[in-house]
């Protein structure tokens, strides 16, 4: 029983350190994180719906899931570029990173709309 108590304390210490580190994260990065969580949650809801109801228009299911996953990936790329602690993109202005994000989303969704047929 001592081992499980130690594991529980380690887990609590880990969650506490993660929570305190995330509290120092800038608000714009937290907003992007919420957007990523929303996109992934939407994809999961679609997968659950297909599992329960069926996948009659399979192209629609694939388009919806790939749209959500693609948007989440692009948002993670935006987060990496906008993060001030990332030295690799220090010369990239946030406006340029957001413009790239919008343009890539436009291309992604044009491809998704084309795939729908």
N, C-alpha and C. Protein backbone atom coordinates (compact mmCIF):
# COMPACT_ATOMS: atom_id res chain seq x y z
N UNK A 1 0.81 -1.19 0.00
CA UNK A 1 0.00 0.00 0.00
C UNK A 1 0.86 1.25 0.00
N UNK A 2 2.05 1.18 0.48
CA UNK A 2 2.95 2.33 0.49
C UNK A 2 3.33 2.76 -0.91
N UNK A 3 3.39 1.78 -1.83
CA UNK A 3 3.78 2.09 -3.20
C UNK A 3 2.69 2.90 -3.91
N UNK A 4 1.43 2.56 -3.67
CA UNK A 4 0.35 3.30 -4.33
C UNK A 4 0.24 4.71 -3.76
N UNK A 5 0.54 4.88 -2.47
CA UNK A 5 0.52 6.21 -1.87
C UNK A 5 1.62 7.09 -2.47
N UNK A 6 2.78 6.50 -2.69
CA UNK A 6 3.89 7.24 -3.30
C UNK A 6 3.55 7.61 -4.74
N UNK A 7 2.92 6.70 -5.45
CA UNK A 7 2.52 6.98 -6.82
C UNK A 7 1.49 8.10 -6.87
N UNK A 8 0.57 8.08 -5.94
CA UNK A 8 -0.46 9.13 -5.87
C UNK A 8 0.18 10.49 -5.58
N UNK A 9 1.14 10.51 -4.66
CA UNK A 9 1.81 11.78 -4.35
C UNK A 9 2.63 12.27 -5.54
N UNK A 10 3.26 11.35 -6.26
CA UNK A 10 4.01 11.73 -7.45
C UNK A 10 3.08 12.31 -8.51
N UNK A 11 1.93 11.69 -8.69
CA UNK A 11 0.96 12.19 -9.67
C UNK A 11 0.45 13.57 -9.28
N UNK A 12 0.18 13.76 -7.99
CA UNK A 12 -0.28 15.07 -7.53
C UNK A 12 0.80 16.13 -7.72
N UNK A 13 2.05 15.77 -7.46
CA UNK A 13 3.15 16.72 -7.66
C UNK A 13 3.30 17.07 -9.14
N UNK A 14 3.12 16.06 -10.00
CA UNK A 14 3.20 16.30 -11.44
C UNK A 14 2.09 17.24 -11.90
N UNK A 15 0.85 16.98 -11.48
CA UNK A 15 -0.26 17.85 -11.87
C UNK A 15 -0.08 19.26 -11.32
N UNK A 16 0.42 19.37 -10.10
CA UNK A 16 0.65 20.70 -9.52
C UNK A 16 1.71 21.46 -10.31
N UNK A 17 2.78 20.79 -10.70
CA UNK A 17 3.83 21.48 -11.46
C UNK A 17 3.35 21.85 -12.86
N UNK A 18 2.55 20.98 -13.48
CA UNK A 18 2.00 21.32 -14.80
C UNK A 18 1.04 22.50 -14.71
N UNK A 19 0.19 22.51 -13.67
CA UNK A 19 -0.77 23.60 -13.50
C UNK A 19 -0.06 24.93 -13.25
N UNK A 20 0.98 24.91 -12.43
CA UNK A 20 1.69 26.16 -12.15
C UNK A 20 2.48 26.64 -13.36
N UNK A 21 3.01 25.71 -14.15
CA UNK A 21 3.73 26.11 -15.37
C UNK A 21 2.76 26.67 -16.40
N UNK A 22 1.57 26.07 -16.51
CA UNK A 22 0.59 26.53 -17.50
C UNK A 22 -0.02 27.87 -17.09
N UNK A 23 -0.01 28.18 -15.80
CA UNK A 23 -0.54 29.47 -15.34
C UNK A 23 0.30 30.62 -15.88
N UNK A 24 1.57 30.36 -16.16
CA UNK A 24 2.45 31.40 -16.69
C UNK A 24 2.36 31.54 -18.20
N UNK A 25 1.57 30.71 -18.84
CA UNK A 25 1.41 30.76 -20.30
C UNK A 25 0.61 32.00 -20.69
N UNK A 26 1.04 32.71 -21.74
CA UNK A 26 0.29 33.89 -22.19
C UNK A 26 -1.13 33.55 -22.64
N UNK A 27 -2.01 34.52 -22.56
CA UNK A 27 -3.42 34.30 -22.87
C UNK A 27 -3.64 33.91 -24.33
N UNK A 28 -2.88 34.50 -25.25
CA UNK A 28 -3.10 34.16 -26.67
C UNK A 28 -2.77 32.69 -26.94
N UNK A 29 -1.80 32.14 -26.24
CA UNK A 29 -1.49 30.71 -26.42
C UNK A 29 -2.56 29.83 -25.79
N UNK A 30 -3.14 30.29 -24.69
CA UNK A 30 -4.24 29.53 -24.07
C UNK A 30 -5.47 29.50 -24.99
N UNK A 31 -5.71 30.60 -25.68
CA UNK A 31 -6.83 30.64 -26.62
C UNK A 31 -6.60 29.67 -27.77
N UNK A 32 -5.38 29.61 -28.26
CA UNK A 32 -5.06 28.66 -29.34
C UNK A 32 -5.21 27.23 -28.82
N UNK A 33 -4.81 26.99 -27.58
CA UNK A 33 -4.97 25.65 -26.98
C UNK A 33 -6.44 25.25 -26.91
N UNK A 34 -7.29 26.19 -26.53
CA UNK A 34 -8.74 25.91 -26.48
C UNK A 34 -9.28 25.59 -27.88
N UNK A 35 -8.78 26.30 -28.88
CA UNK A 35 -9.21 26.05 -30.26
C UNK A 35 -8.78 24.65 -30.70
N UNK A 36 -7.58 24.24 -30.34
CA UNK A 36 -7.11 22.89 -30.69
C UNK A 36 -7.96 21.84 -30.00
N UNK A 37 -8.26 22.06 -28.72
CA UNK A 37 -9.10 21.10 -27.98
C UNK A 37 -10.48 21.03 -28.60
N UNK A 38 -11.04 22.16 -29.01
CA UNK A 38 -12.35 22.17 -29.66
C UNK A 38 -12.32 21.39 -30.97
N UNK A 39 -11.28 21.57 -31.78
CA UNK A 39 -11.20 20.87 -33.06
C UNK A 39 -11.07 19.37 -32.85
N UNK A 40 -10.26 18.96 -31.91
CA UNK A 40 -10.09 17.52 -31.64
C UNK A 40 -11.37 16.94 -31.06
N UNK A 41 -12.04 17.67 -30.16
CA UNK A 41 -13.30 17.20 -29.59
C UNK A 41 -14.37 17.05 -30.68
N UNK A 42 -14.41 17.97 -31.61
CA UNK A 42 -15.36 17.88 -32.71
C UNK A 42 -15.09 16.65 -33.56
N UNK A 43 -13.83 16.35 -33.82
CA UNK A 43 -13.48 15.15 -34.58
C UNK A 43 -13.90 13.89 -33.82
N UNK A 44 -13.68 13.87 -32.51
CA UNK A 44 -14.08 12.71 -31.71
C UNK A 44 -15.60 12.53 -31.70
N UNK A 45 -16.33 13.63 -31.63
CA UNK A 45 -17.79 13.55 -31.67
C UNK A 45 -18.25 12.96 -32.99
N UNK A 46 -17.61 13.34 -34.07
CA UNK A 46 -17.97 12.79 -35.38
C UNK A 46 -17.67 11.30 -35.45
N UNK A 47 -16.56 10.89 -34.89
CA UNK A 47 -16.21 9.46 -34.90
C UNK A 47 -17.22 8.66 -34.07
N UNK A 48 -17.60 9.19 -32.91
CA UNK A 48 -18.60 8.51 -32.08
C UNK A 48 -19.93 8.44 -32.80
N UNK A 49 -20.32 9.52 -33.46
CA UNK A 49 -21.57 9.53 -34.22
C UNK A 49 -21.57 8.46 -35.30
N UNK A 50 -20.46 8.35 -36.03
CA UNK A 50 -20.37 7.34 -37.09
C UNK A 50 -20.42 5.94 -36.50
N UNK A 51 -19.79 5.75 -35.34
CA UNK A 51 -19.81 4.43 -34.70
C UNK A 51 -21.22 4.05 -34.25
N UNK A 52 -22.01 5.04 -33.82
CA UNK A 52 -23.35 4.75 -33.34
C UNK A 52 -24.37 4.66 -34.46
N UNK A 53 -24.31 5.57 -35.42
CA UNK A 53 -25.35 5.68 -36.43
C UNK A 53 -24.99 4.97 -37.73
N UNK A 54 -23.74 5.06 -38.12
CA UNK A 54 -23.31 4.47 -39.39
C UNK A 54 -22.68 5.53 -40.26
N UNK A 55 -21.99 5.06 -41.28
CA UNK A 55 -21.22 5.99 -42.12
C UNK A 55 -21.73 5.96 -43.56
N UNK A 56 -23.02 6.23 -43.74
CA UNK A 56 -23.56 6.15 -45.10
C UNK A 56 -22.84 7.07 -46.07
N UNK A 57 -22.84 8.39 -45.87
CA UNK A 57 -22.02 9.19 -46.79
C UNK A 57 -20.59 9.24 -46.26
N UNK A 58 -19.80 8.21 -46.60
CA UNK A 58 -18.46 8.06 -46.02
C UNK A 58 -17.56 9.24 -46.38
N UNK A 59 -17.73 9.82 -47.57
CA UNK A 59 -16.93 10.99 -47.93
C UNK A 59 -17.19 12.15 -46.98
N UNK A 60 -18.42 12.30 -46.57
CA UNK A 60 -18.75 13.39 -45.63
C UNK A 60 -18.08 13.16 -44.29
N UNK A 61 -18.09 11.91 -43.83
CA UNK A 61 -17.42 11.60 -42.56
C UNK A 61 -15.93 11.88 -42.66
N UNK A 62 -15.30 11.40 -43.71
CA UNK A 62 -13.86 11.63 -43.89
C UNK A 62 -13.55 13.12 -44.01
N UNK A 63 -14.38 13.83 -44.75
CA UNK A 63 -14.15 15.28 -44.90
C UNK A 63 -14.25 16.00 -43.56
N UNK A 64 -15.25 15.65 -42.78
CA UNK A 64 -15.42 16.31 -41.48
C UNK A 64 -14.28 16.03 -40.53
N UNK A 65 -13.88 14.77 -40.45
CA UNK A 65 -12.80 14.41 -39.52
C UNK A 65 -11.47 15.00 -39.99
N UNK A 66 -11.19 14.90 -41.28
CA UNK A 66 -9.93 15.45 -41.79
C UNK A 66 -9.90 16.97 -41.68
N UNK A 67 -11.04 17.61 -41.81
CA UNK A 67 -11.10 19.06 -41.62
C UNK A 67 -10.76 19.43 -40.18
N UNK A 68 -11.33 18.70 -39.23
CA UNK A 68 -11.04 18.98 -37.82
C UNK A 68 -9.59 18.70 -37.47
N UNK A 69 -9.08 17.56 -37.92
CA UNK A 69 -7.70 17.21 -37.60
C UNK A 69 -6.73 18.16 -38.29
N UNK A 70 -7.00 18.50 -39.54
CA UNK A 70 -6.14 19.44 -40.25
C UNK A 70 -6.13 20.82 -39.61
N UNK A 71 -7.30 21.26 -39.17
CA UNK A 71 -7.39 22.55 -38.49
C UNK A 71 -6.62 22.52 -37.17
N UNK A 72 -6.71 21.42 -36.45
CA UNK A 72 -5.96 21.30 -35.20
C UNK A 72 -4.46 21.32 -35.45
N UNK A 73 -4.01 20.64 -36.48
CA UNK A 73 -2.58 20.62 -36.80
C UNK A 73 -2.11 22.02 -37.18
N UNK A 74 -2.89 22.72 -37.98
CA UNK A 74 -2.52 24.08 -38.36
C UNK A 74 -2.50 25.02 -37.15
N UNK A 75 -3.43 24.81 -36.22
CA UNK A 75 -3.45 25.64 -35.01
C UNK A 75 -2.23 25.36 -34.12
N UNK A 76 -1.80 24.11 -34.07
CA UNK A 76 -0.58 23.79 -33.31
C UNK A 76 0.62 24.46 -33.96
N UNK A 77 0.67 24.46 -35.28
CA UNK A 77 1.76 25.16 -35.98
C UNK A 77 1.71 26.66 -35.68
N UNK A 78 0.52 27.24 -35.65
CA UNK A 78 0.38 28.65 -35.29
C UNK A 78 0.89 28.90 -33.87
N UNK A 79 0.54 28.00 -32.96
CA UNK A 79 0.99 28.15 -31.57
C UNK A 79 2.51 28.11 -31.47
N UNK A 80 3.12 27.23 -32.22
CA UNK A 80 4.58 27.14 -32.21
C UNK A 80 5.20 28.42 -32.74
N UNK A 81 4.63 28.98 -33.79
CA UNK A 81 5.19 30.18 -34.40
C UNK A 81 4.97 31.43 -33.55
N UNK A 82 3.87 31.49 -32.82
CA UNK A 82 3.53 32.68 -32.04
C UNK A 82 4.21 32.67 -30.67
N UNK A 83 4.61 31.51 -30.19
CA UNK A 83 5.22 31.40 -28.87
C UNK A 83 6.52 32.20 -28.80
N UNK A 84 6.59 33.12 -27.84
CA UNK A 84 7.76 33.99 -27.70
C UNK A 84 9.00 33.23 -27.22
N UNK A 85 8.81 32.12 -26.54
CA UNK A 85 9.93 31.34 -26.03
C UNK A 85 10.61 30.50 -27.11
N UNK A 86 9.96 30.35 -28.25
CA UNK A 86 10.53 29.57 -29.35
C UNK A 86 11.50 30.45 -30.12
N UNK A 87 12.77 30.12 -30.04
CA UNK A 87 13.81 30.95 -30.67
C UNK A 87 13.87 30.76 -32.18
N UNK A 88 13.31 29.67 -32.68
CA UNK A 88 13.38 29.39 -34.12
C UNK A 88 12.57 30.39 -34.95
N UNK A 89 11.48 30.89 -34.39
CA UNK A 89 10.60 31.81 -35.11
C UNK A 89 10.62 33.20 -34.48
N UNK A 90 11.72 33.61 -33.88
CA UNK A 90 11.75 34.89 -33.18
C UNK A 90 11.63 36.08 -34.12
N UNK A 91 12.06 35.94 -35.39
CA UNK A 91 11.98 37.05 -36.34
C UNK A 91 10.65 37.10 -37.08
N UNK A 92 9.80 36.10 -36.87
CA UNK A 92 8.51 36.04 -37.56
C UNK A 92 7.47 36.83 -36.78
N UNK A 93 6.90 37.86 -37.38
CA UNK A 93 5.86 38.62 -36.65
C UNK A 93 4.59 37.77 -36.49
N UNK A 94 3.86 37.96 -35.39
CA UNK A 94 2.64 37.18 -35.16
C UNK A 94 1.59 37.39 -36.25
N UNK A 95 1.56 38.57 -36.84
CA UNK A 95 0.60 38.83 -37.91
C UNK A 95 0.87 37.94 -39.12
N UNK A 96 2.14 37.75 -39.43
CA UNK A 96 2.52 36.89 -40.55
C UNK A 96 2.15 35.44 -40.25
N UNK A 97 2.39 35.00 -39.02
CA UNK A 97 2.04 33.63 -38.63
C UNK A 97 0.52 33.42 -38.74
N UNK A 98 -0.26 34.43 -38.31
CA UNK A 98 -1.71 34.30 -38.40
C UNK A 98 -2.17 34.32 -39.85
N UNK A 99 -1.55 35.13 -40.69
CA UNK A 99 -1.90 35.16 -42.11
C UNK A 99 -1.59 33.81 -42.76
N UNK A 100 -0.47 33.20 -42.41
CA UNK A 100 -0.16 31.85 -42.91
C UNK A 100 -1.21 30.84 -42.46
N UNK A 101 -1.63 30.96 -41.20
CA UNK A 101 -2.65 30.07 -40.66
C UNK A 101 -3.95 30.20 -41.43
N UNK A 102 -4.37 31.43 -41.69
CA UNK A 102 -5.63 31.66 -42.42
C UNK A 102 -5.53 31.15 -43.85
N UNK A 103 -4.42 31.41 -44.52
CA UNK A 103 -4.24 30.95 -45.90
C UNK A 103 -4.22 29.42 -45.97
N UNK A 104 -3.51 28.78 -45.06
CA UNK A 104 -3.47 27.32 -45.06
C UNK A 104 -4.83 26.71 -44.74
N UNK A 105 -5.58 27.36 -43.85
CA UNK A 105 -6.94 26.89 -43.57
C UNK A 105 -7.83 27.02 -44.79
N UNK A 106 -7.66 28.11 -45.53
CA UNK A 106 -8.44 28.31 -46.75
C UNK A 106 -8.14 27.21 -47.76
N UNK A 107 -6.88 26.91 -47.96
CA UNK A 107 -6.49 25.84 -48.89
C UNK A 107 -7.01 24.49 -48.40
N UNK A 108 -6.86 24.22 -47.11
CA UNK A 108 -7.35 22.96 -46.54
C UNK A 108 -8.84 22.79 -46.78
N UNK A 109 -9.61 23.82 -46.52
CA UNK A 109 -11.05 23.67 -46.65
C UNK A 109 -11.51 23.68 -48.12
N UNK A 110 -10.75 24.30 -49.00
CA UNK A 110 -11.06 24.16 -50.43
C UNK A 110 -10.85 22.71 -50.88
N UNK A 111 -9.80 22.09 -50.41
CA UNK A 111 -9.55 20.68 -50.74
C UNK A 111 -10.64 19.79 -50.13
N UNK A 112 -11.03 20.09 -48.90
CA UNK A 112 -12.09 19.32 -48.24
C UNK A 112 -13.40 19.46 -49.00
N UNK A 113 -13.73 20.66 -49.43
CA UNK A 113 -14.98 20.87 -50.20
C UNK A 113 -14.93 20.16 -51.53
N UNK A 114 -13.75 20.12 -52.14
CA UNK A 114 -13.60 19.40 -53.39
C UNK A 114 -13.77 17.89 -53.17
N UNK A 115 -13.28 17.39 -52.04
CA UNK A 115 -13.38 15.96 -51.73
C UNK A 115 -14.82 15.54 -51.49
N UNK A 116 -15.63 16.46 -50.97
CA UNK A 116 -17.04 16.14 -50.74
C UNK A 116 -17.74 15.76 -52.04
N UNK A 117 -17.32 16.36 -53.13
CA UNK A 117 -17.89 16.02 -54.42
C UNK A 117 -19.15 16.76 -54.63
